[in-house]
Every structure is written in C-alpha cells, then in structure tokens.
All heavy atoms as atom14 arrays in JSON, in Angstrom:
{
  "sequence": "GVPTVTLTTRDFEILAATAAKGRGVPQLPRVTLPHPL",
  "atom14_mask": [
    [1, 1, 1, 1, 0, 0, 0, 0, 0, 0, 0, 0, 0, 0],
    [1, 1, 1, 1, 1, 1, 1, 0, 0, 0, 0, 0, 0, 0],
    [1, 1, 1, 1, 1, 1, 1, 0, 0, 0, 0, 0, 0, 0],
    [1, 1, 1, 1, 1, 1, 1, 0, 0, 0, 0, 0, 0, 0],
    [1, 1, 1, 1, 1, 1, 1, 0, 0, 0, 0, 0, 0, 0],
    [1, 1, 1, 1, 1, 1, 1, 0, 0, 0, 0, 0, 0, 0],
    [1, 1, 1, 1, 1, 1, 1, 1, 0, 0, 0, 0, 0, 0],
    [1, 1, 1, 1, 1, 1, 1, 0, 0, 0, 0, 0, 0, 0],
    [1, 1, 1, 1, 1, 1, 1, 0, 0, 0, 0, 0, 0, 0],
    [1, 1, 1, 1, 1, 1, 1, 1, 1, 1, 1, 0, 0, 0],
    [1, 1, 1, 1, 1, 1, 1, 1, 0, 0, 0, 0, 0, 0],
    [1, 1, 1, 1, 1, 1, 1, 1, 1, 1, 1, 0, 0, 0],
    [1, 1, 1, 1, 1, 1, 1, 1, 1, 0, 0, 0, 0, 0],
    [1, 1, 1, 1, 1, 1, 1, 1, 0, 0, 0, 0, 0, 0],
    [1, 1, 1, 1, 1, 1, 1, 1, 0, 0, 0, 0, 0, 0],
    [1, 1, 1, 1, 1, 0, 0, 0, 0, 0, 0, 0, 0, 0],
    [1, 1, 1, 1, 1, 0, 0, 0, 0, 0, 0, 0, 0, 0],
    [1, 1, 1, 1, 1, 1, 1, 0, 0, 0, 0, 0, 0, 0],
    [1, 1, 1, 1, 1, 0, 0, 0, 0, 0, 0, 0, 0, 0],
    [1, 1, 1, 1, 1, 0, 0, 0, 0, 0, 0, 0, 0, 0],
    [1, 1, 1, 1, 1, 1, 1, 1, 1, 0, 0, 0, 0, 0],
    [1, 1, 1, 1, 0, 0, 0, 0, 0, 0, 0, 0, 0, 0],
    [1, 1, 1, 1, 1, 1, 1, 1, 1, 1, 1, 0, 0, 0],
    [1, 1, 1, 1, 0, 0, 0, 0, 0, 0, 0, 0, 0, 0],
    [1, 1, 1, 1, 1, 1, 1, 0, 0, 0, 0, 0, 0, 0],
    [1, 1, 1, 1, 1, 1, 1, 0, 0, 0, 0, 0, 0, 0],
    [1, 1, 1, 1, 1, 1, 1, 1, 1, 0, 0, 0, 0, 0],
    [1, 1, 1, 1, 1, 1, 1, 1, 0, 0, 0, 0, 0, 0],
    [1, 1, 1, 1, 1, 1, 1, 0, 0, 0, 0, 0, 0, 0],
    [1, 1, 1, 1, 1, 1, 1, 1, 1, 1, 1, 0, 0, 0],
    [1, 1, 1, 1, 1, 1, 1, 0, 0, 0, 0, 0, 0, 0],
    [1, 1, 1, 1, 1, 1, 1, 0, 0, 0, 0, 0, 0, 0],
    [1, 1, 1, 1, 1, 1, 1, 1, 0, 0, 0, 0, 0, 0],
    [1, 1, 1, 1, 1, 1, 1, 0, 0, 0, 0, 0, 0, 0],
    [1, 1, 1, 1, 1, 1, 1, 1, 1, 1, 0, 0, 0, 0],
    [1, 1, 1, 1, 1, 1, 1, 0, 0, 0, 0, 0, 0, 0],
    [1, 1, 1, 1, 1, 1, 1, 1, 0, 0, 0, 0, 0, 0]
  ],
  "atom14_positions": [
    [[-10.95, -24.99, -19.42], [-10.44, -26.11, -18.64], [-9.69, -25.73, -17.37], [-9.01, -26.56, -16.77], [0.0, 0.0, 0.0], [0.0, 0.0, 0.0], [0.0, 0.0, 0.0], [0.0, 0.0, 0.0], [0.0, 0.0, 0.0], [0.0, 0.0, 0.0], [0.0, 0.0, 0.0], [0.0, 0.0, 0.0], [0.0, 0.0, 0.0], [0.0, 0.0, 0.0]],
    [[-9.83, -24.47, -16.94], [-9.16, -24.0, -15.72], [-10.18, -24.03, -14.59], [-11.17, -23.3, -14.63], [-8.63, -22.57, -15.91], [-7.99, -22.07, -14.62], [-7.66, -22.49, -17.1], [0.0, 0.0, 0.0], [0.0, 0.0, 0.0], [0.0, 0.0, 0.0], [0.0, 0.0, 0.0], [0.0, 0.0, 0.0], [0.0, 0.0, 0.0], [0.0, 0.0, 0.0]],
    [[-9.94, -24.87, -13.56], [-10.88, -24.93, -12.45], [-10.95, -23.59, -11.72], [-9.95, -22.93, -11.51], [-10.3, -26.0, -11.53], [-9.36, -26.78, -12.36], [-8.86, -25.84, -13.4], [0.0, 0.0, 0.0], [0.0, 0.0, 0.0], [0.0, 0.0, 0.0], [0.0, 0.0, 0.0], [0.0, 0.0, 0.0], [0.0, 0.0, 0.0], [0.0, 0.0, 0.0]],
    [[-12.14, -23.19, -11.32], [-12.33, -21.94, -10.6], [-13.3, -22.16, -9.43], [-14.06, -23.14, -9.39], [-12.93, -20.84, -11.49], [-14.24, -21.23, -11.87], [-12.07, -20.59, -12.69], [0.0, 0.0, 0.0], [0.0, 0.0, 0.0], [0.0, 0.0, 0.0], [0.0, 0.0, 0.0], [0.0, 0.0, 0.0], [0.0, 0.0, 0.0], [0.0, 0.0, 0.0]],
    [[-13.26, -21.26, -8.51], [-14.27, -21.15, -7.46], [-14.53, -19.68, -7.27], [-13.62, -18.9, -7.07], [-13.76, -21.75, -6.11], [-14.76, -21.49, -5.0], [-13.49, -23.25, -6.25], [0.0, 0.0, 0.0], [0.0, 0.0, 0.0], [0.0, 0.0, 0.0], [0.0, 0.0, 0.0], [0.0, 0.0, 0.0], [0.0, 0.0, 0.0], [0.0, 0.0, 0.0]],
    [[-15.78, -19.28, -7.4], [-16.15, -17.9, -7.21], [-16.61, -17.7, -5.77], [-17.48, -18.41, -5.29], [-17.29, -17.51, -8.18], [-16.86, -17.71, -9.52], [-17.68, -16.04, -8.0], [0.0, 0.0, 0.0], [0.0, 0.0, 0.0], [0.0, 0.0, 0.0], [0.0, 0.0, 0.0], [0.0, 0.0, 0.0], [0.0, 0.0, 0.0], [0.0, 0.0, 0.0]],
    [[-15.98, -16.73, -5.08], [-16.38, -16.4, -3.72], [-17.37, -15.28, -3.79], [-17.16, -14.26, -4.49], [-15.16, -15.96, -2.9], [-14.02, -16.97, -2.81], [-12.87, -16.4, -1.98], [-14.46, -18.27, -2.22], [0.0, 0.0, 0.0], [0.0, 0.0, 0.0], [0.0, 0.0, 0.0], [0.0, 0.0, 0.0], [0.0, 0.0, 0.0], [0.0, 0.0, 0.0]],
    [[-18.47, -15.42, -3.07], [-19.5, -14.38, -3.03], [-20.02, -14.3, -1.61], [-19.81, -15.21, -0.8], [-20.62, -14.69, -4.05], [-21.54, -13.59, -4.08], [-21.36, -15.95, -3.7], [0.0, 0.0, 0.0], [0.0, 0.0, 0.0], [0.0, 0.0, 0.0], [0.0, 0.0, 0.0], [0.0, 0.0, 0.0], [0.0, 0.0, 0.0], [0.0, 0.0, 0.0]],
    [[-20.71, -13.22, -1.3], [-21.32, -13.12, 0.0], [-22.82, -13.41, -0.11], [-23.37, -13.41, -1.21], [-21.1, -11.72, 0.64], [-21.7, -10.74, -0.18], [-19.63, -11.43, 0.84], [0.0, 0.0, 0.0], [0.0, 0.0, 0.0], [0.0, 0.0, 0.0], [0.0, 0.0, 0.0], [0.0, 0.0, 0.0], [0.0, 0.0, 0.0], [0.0, 0.0, 0.0]],
    [[-23.44, -13.67, 1.02], [-24.87, -14.08, 1.03], [-25.76, -13.11, 0.26], [-26.69, -13.53, -0.45], [-25.36, -14.19, 2.46], [-24.95, -15.45, 3.11], [-25.68, -15.66, 4.44], [-24.98, -16.72, 5.16], [-24.3, -16.56, 6.28], [-24.24, -15.39, 6.86], [-23.69, -17.58, 6.83], [0.0, 0.0, 0.0], [0.0, 0.0, 0.0], [0.0, 0.0, 0.0]],
    [[-25.5, -11.82, 0.36], [-26.36, -10.86, -0.3], [-26.27, -10.94, -1.81], [-27.17, -10.43, -2.51], [-26.02, -9.42, 0.15], [-26.63, -9.09, 1.5], [-27.07, -9.99, 2.22], [-26.65, -7.88, 1.85], [0.0, 0.0, 0.0], [0.0, 0.0, 0.0], [0.0, 0.0, 0.0], [0.0, 0.0, 0.0], [0.0, 0.0, 0.0], [0.0, 0.0, 0.0]],
    [[-25.23, -11.54, -2.33], [-25.05, -11.67, -3.79], [-25.21, -13.09, -4.3], [-24.98, -13.37, -5.46], [-23.71, -11.09, -4.18], [-23.58, -9.63, -3.92], [-22.96, -9.14, -2.78], [-24.15, -8.7, -4.79], [-22.89, -7.82, -2.52], [-24.08, -7.35, -4.52], [-23.48, -6.9, -3.37], [0.0, 0.0, 0.0], [0.0, 0.0, 0.0], [0.0, 0.0, 0.0]],
    [[-25.63, -13.97, -3.42], [-25.77, -15.4, -3.76], [-26.77, -15.62, -4.91], [-26.5, -16.35, -5.85], [-26.2, -16.18, -2.51], [-26.21, -17.65, -2.67], [-26.49, -18.35, -1.36], [-26.94, -17.7, -0.37], [-26.27, -19.58, -1.32], [0.0, 0.0, 0.0], [0.0, 0.0, 0.0], [0.0, 0.0, 0.0], [0.0, 0.0, 0.0], [0.0, 0.0, 0.0]],
    [[-27.92, -14.99, -4.82], [-28.96, -15.15, -5.86], [-28.48, -14.56, -7.18], [-28.65, -15.16, -8.24], [-30.29, -14.54, -5.42], [-30.86, -15.35, -4.25], [-31.27, -14.48, -6.57], [-32.07, -14.74, -3.59], [0.0, 0.0, 0.0], [0.0, 0.0, 0.0], [0.0, 0.0, 0.0], [0.0, 0.0, 0.0], [0.0, 0.0, 0.0], [0.0, 0.0, 0.0]],
    [[-27.84, -13.42, -7.12], [-27.29, -12.79, -8.34], [-26.24, -13.68, -8.97], [-26.25, -13.88, -10.19], [-26.68, -11.41, -8.01], [-26.04, -10.67, -9.17], [-27.05, -10.39, -10.26], [-25.41, -9.39, -8.66], [0.0, 0.0, 0.0], [0.0, 0.0, 0.0], [0.0, 0.0, 0.0], [0.0, 0.0, 0.0], [0.0, 0.0, 0.0], [0.0, 0.0, 0.0]],
    [[-25.36, -14.27, -8.17], [-24.33, -15.16, -8.7], [-24.96, -16.39, -9.33], [-24.56, -16.83, -10.42], [-23.36, -15.57, -7.58], [0.0, 0.0, 0.0], [0.0, 0.0, 0.0], [0.0, 0.0, 0.0], [0.0, 0.0, 0.0], [0.0, 0.0, 0.0], [0.0, 0.0, 0.0], [0.0, 0.0, 0.0], [0.0, 0.0, 0.0], [0.0, 0.0, 0.0]],
    [[-25.94, -17.0, -8.67], [-26.63, -18.17, -9.24], [-27.34, -17.81, -10.52], [-27.28, -18.58, -11.52], [-27.62, -18.73, -8.21], [0.0, 0.0, 0.0], [0.0, 0.0, 0.0], [0.0, 0.0, 0.0], [0.0, 0.0, 0.0], [0.0, 0.0, 0.0], [0.0, 0.0, 0.0], [0.0, 0.0, 0.0], [0.0, 0.0, 0.0], [0.0, 0.0, 0.0]],
    [[-27.98, -16.67, -10.58], [-28.68, -16.24, -11.79], [-27.71, -15.97, -12.92], [-27.95, -16.39, -14.06], [-29.52, -14.98, -11.48], [-30.44, -15.28, -10.44], [-30.27, -14.51, -12.72], [0.0, 0.0, 0.0], [0.0, 0.0, 0.0], [0.0, 0.0, 0.0], [0.0, 0.0, 0.0], [0.0, 0.0, 0.0], [0.0, 0.0, 0.0], [0.0, 0.0, 0.0]],
    [[-26.57, -15.33, -12.6], [-25.59, -15.05, -13.63], [-24.98, -16.36, -14.15], [-24.75, -16.5, -15.38], [-24.48, -14.18, -13.09], [0.0, 0.0, 0.0], [0.0, 0.0, 0.0], [0.0, 0.0, 0.0], [0.0, 0.0, 0.0], [0.0, 0.0, 0.0], [0.0, 0.0, 0.0], [0.0, 0.0, 0.0], [0.0, 0.0, 0.0], [0.0, 0.0, 0.0]],
    [[-24.7, -17.29, -13.27], [-24.16, -18.59, -13.73], [-25.15, -19.32, -14.63], [-24.78, -19.87, -15.66], [-23.78, -19.45, -12.51], [0.0, 0.0, 0.0], [0.0, 0.0, 0.0], [0.0, 0.0, 0.0], [0.0, 0.0, 0.0], [0.0, 0.0, 0.0], [0.0, 0.0, 0.0], [0.0, 0.0, 0.0], [0.0, 0.0, 0.0], [0.0, 0.0, 0.0]],
    [[-26.4, -19.33, -14.23], [-27.43, -19.97, -15.04], [-27.55, -19.28, -16.4], [-27.64, -19.94, -17.42], [-28.77, -19.94, -14.3], [-29.86, -20.69, -15.03], [-31.15, -20.71, -14.21], [-32.23, -21.45, -14.96], [-33.49, -21.43, -14.21], [0.0, 0.0, 0.0], [0.0, 0.0, 0.0], [0.0, 0.0, 0.0], [0.0, 0.0, 0.0], [0.0, 0.0, 0.0]],
    [[-27.49, -17.95, -16.39], [-27.58, -17.19, -17.62], [-26.41, -17.46, -18.58], [-26.56, -17.38, -19.78], [0.0, 0.0, 0.0], [0.0, 0.0, 0.0], [0.0, 0.0, 0.0], [0.0, 0.0, 0.0], [0.0, 0.0, 0.0], [0.0, 0.0, 0.0], [0.0, 0.0, 0.0], [0.0, 0.0, 0.0], [0.0, 0.0, 0.0], [0.0, 0.0, 0.0]],
    [[-25.26, -17.77, -18.0], [-24.08, -18.12, -18.83], [-24.11, -19.58, -19.23], [-23.19, -20.05, -19.89], [-22.79, -17.83, -18.05], [-22.54, -16.38, -17.71], [-22.07, -15.61, -18.88], [-20.77, -16.11, -19.3], [-20.04, -15.59, -20.23], [-20.44, -14.51, -20.83], [-18.88, -16.12, -20.59], [0.0, 0.0, 0.0], [0.0, 0.0, 0.0], [0.0, 0.0, 0.0]],
    [[-25.12, -20.31, -18.79], [-25.22, -21.72, -19.15], [-24.38, -22.65, -18.27], [-24.11, -23.79, -18.66], [0.0, 0.0, 0.0], [0.0, 0.0, 0.0], [0.0, 0.0, 0.0], [0.0, 0.0, 0.0], [0.0, 0.0, 0.0], [0.0, 0.0, 0.0], [0.0, 0.0, 0.0], [0.0, 0.0, 0.0], [0.0, 0.0, 0.0], [0.0, 0.0, 0.0]],
    [[-23.96, -22.16, -17.13], [-23.12, -22.94, -16.22], [-23.65, -22.93, -14.77], [-22.98, -22.47, -13.85], [-21.64, -22.48, -16.27], [-21.0, -22.85, -17.58], [-21.54, -20.98, -16.02], [0.0, 0.0, 0.0], [0.0, 0.0, 0.0], [0.0, 0.0, 0.0], [0.0, 0.0, 0.0], [0.0, 0.0, 0.0], [0.0, 0.0, 0.0], [0.0, 0.0, 0.0]],
    [[-24.88, -23.42, -14.57], [-25.45, -23.34, -13.22], [-24.65, -24.12, -12.2], [-24.69, -23.84, -11.01], [-26.84, -23.92, -13.39], [-26.76, -24.78, -14.62], [-25.76, -24.08, -15.51], [0.0, 0.0, 0.0], [0.0, 0.0, 0.0], [0.0, 0.0, 0.0], [0.0, 0.0, 0.0], [0.0, 0.0, 0.0], [0.0, 0.0, 0.0], [0.0, 0.0, 0.0]],
    [[-23.84, -25.08, -12.63], [-23.01, -25.88, -11.74], [-21.66, -25.23, -11.43], [-20.86, -25.81, -10.73], [-22.78, -27.29, -12.33], [-21.75, -27.33, -13.47], [-22.26, -26.84, -14.85], [-23.3, -26.24, -14.96], [-21.46, -27.11, -15.88], [0.0, 0.0, 0.0], [0.0, 0.0, 0.0], [0.0, 0.0, 0.0], [0.0, 0.0, 0.0], [0.0, 0.0, 0.0]],
    [[-21.44, -24.02, -11.9], [-20.17, -23.32, -11.65], [-19.92, -23.26, -10.14], [-20.77, -22.83, -9.37], [-20.27, -21.9, -12.21], [-18.97, -21.12, -12.32], [-18.06, -21.74, -13.39], [-19.26, -19.69, -12.67], [0.0, 0.0, 0.0], [0.0, 0.0, 0.0], [0.0, 0.0, 0.0], [0.0, 0.0, 0.0], [0.0, 0.0, 0.0], [0.0, 0.0, 0.0]],
    [[-18.73, -23.73, -9.69], [-18.46, -23.77, -8.27], [-18.45, -22.38, -7.63], [-17.81, -21.46, -8.13], [-17.07, -24.39, -8.18], [-16.88, -25.1, -9.46], [-17.64, -24.33, -10.48], [0.0, 0.0, 0.0], [0.0, 0.0, 0.0], [0.0, 0.0, 0.0], [0.0, 0.0, 0.0], [0.0, 0.0, 0.0], [0.0, 0.0, 0.0], [0.0, 0.0, 0.0]],
    [[-19.23, -22.26, -6.55], [-19.31, -21.02, -5.8], [-19.22, -21.35, -4.32], [-19.75, -22.37, -3.87], [-20.62, -20.28, -6.08], [-20.76, -19.82, -7.52], [-22.03, -19.04, -7.75], [-23.26, -19.7, -7.31], [-23.93, -20.61, -8.04], [-23.5, -20.97, -9.23], [-25.02, -21.14, -7.58], [0.0, 0.0, 0.0], [0.0, 0.0, 0.0], [0.0, 0.0, 0.0]],
    [[-18.61, -20.47, -3.57], [-18.58, -20.55, -2.12], [-19.17, -19.26, -1.56], [-18.72, -18.19, -1.92], [-17.14, -20.79, -1.58], [-17.12, -20.72, -0.08], [-16.62, -22.14, -2.07], [0.0, 0.0, 0.0], [0.0, 0.0, 0.0], [0.0, 0.0, 0.0], [0.0, 0.0, 0.0], [0.0, 0.0, 0.0], [0.0, 0.0, 0.0], [0.0, 0.0, 0.0]],
    [[-20.19, -19.42, -0.74], [-20.87, -18.25, -0.2], [-20.34, -17.93, 1.2], [-20.24, -18.82, 2.04], [-22.39, -18.5, -0.14], [-22.84, -18.78, -1.48], [-23.13, -17.28, 0.36], [0.0, 0.0, 0.0], [0.0, 0.0, 0.0], [0.0, 0.0, 0.0], [0.0, 0.0, 0.0], [0.0, 0.0, 0.0], [0.0, 0.0, 0.0], [0.0, 0.0, 0.0]],
    [[-20.02, -16.66, 1.43], [-19.47, -16.17, 2.67], [-20.48, -15.24, 3.33], [-21.4, -14.76, 2.65], [-18.15, -15.44, 2.42], [-17.09, -16.22, 1.63], [-15.93, -15.31, 1.25], [-16.63, -17.41, 2.41], [0.0, 0.0, 0.0], [0.0, 0.0, 0.0], [0.0, 0.0, 0.0], [0.0, 0.0, 0.0], [0.0, 0.0, 0.0], [0.0, 0.0, 0.0]],
    [[-20.31, -14.98, 4.61], [-21.24, -14.04, 5.29], [-21.14, -12.62, 4.66], [-20.15, -12.27, 4.09], [-20.74, -14.01, 6.72], [-19.85, -15.16, 6.89], [-19.31, -15.51, 5.53], [0.0, 0.0, 0.0], [0.0, 0.0, 0.0], [0.0, 0.0, 0.0], [0.0, 0.0, 0.0], [0.0, 0.0, 0.0], [0.0, 0.0, 0.0], [0.0, 0.0, 0.0]],
    [[-22.24, -11.88, 4.87], [-22.27, -10.51, 4.36], [-22.67, -9.59, 5.53], [-23.58, -9.94, 6.28], [-23.28, -10.38, 3.24], [-23.28, -9.03, 2.59], [-22.49, -8.72, 1.52], [-23.95, -7.92, 2.91], [-22.7, -7.46, 1.19], [-23.6, -6.95, 2.03], [0.0, 0.0, 0.0], [0.0, 0.0, 0.0], [0.0, 0.0, 0.0], [0.0, 0.0, 0.0]],
    [[-22.0, -8.48, 5.67], [-20.86, -7.98, 4.92], [-19.55, -8.46, 5.56], [-19.5, -8.76, 6.74], [-20.99, -6.48, 5.05], [-21.63, -6.27, 6.39], [-22.55, -7.45, 6.57], [0.0, 0.0, 0.0], [0.0, 0.0, 0.0], [0.0, 0.0, 0.0], [0.0, 0.0, 0.0], [0.0, 0.0, 0.0], [0.0, 0.0, 0.0], [0.0, 0.0, 0.0]],
    [[-18.51, -8.51, 4.77], [-17.19, -8.86, 5.28], [-16.38, -7.65, 5.68], [-15.56, -7.71, 6.6], [-16.41, -9.67, 4.24], [-16.86, -11.1, 3.95], [-16.11, -11.65, 2.75], [-16.69, -11.95, 5.18], [0.0, 0.0, 0.0], [0.0, 0.0, 0.0], [0.0, 0.0, 0.0], [0.0, 0.0, 0.0], [0.0, 0.0, 0.0], [0.0, 0.0, 0.0]]
  ]
}
C-alpha cells in the first residue's frame, strides 16, 4: 500500500516494463528519463 514511482532511463525502459509485467504489476508507475544521465 505504499505508492512508488520507479525512475528508469530509456535504455532500460523495456527491461523495466518486462520486469513489472513478470511481477504481475504492468501498471506499476514508472517515469522514463533520457539515457545516459
């Protein structure tokens, strides 16, 4: 019940989406940033 936002960069966007889907939470809030920072 703790709201989160995962920050990721563009190069890891697909990996983050796949991991979220694999955990059963494809709607997990994510914010994508430019790569590299």
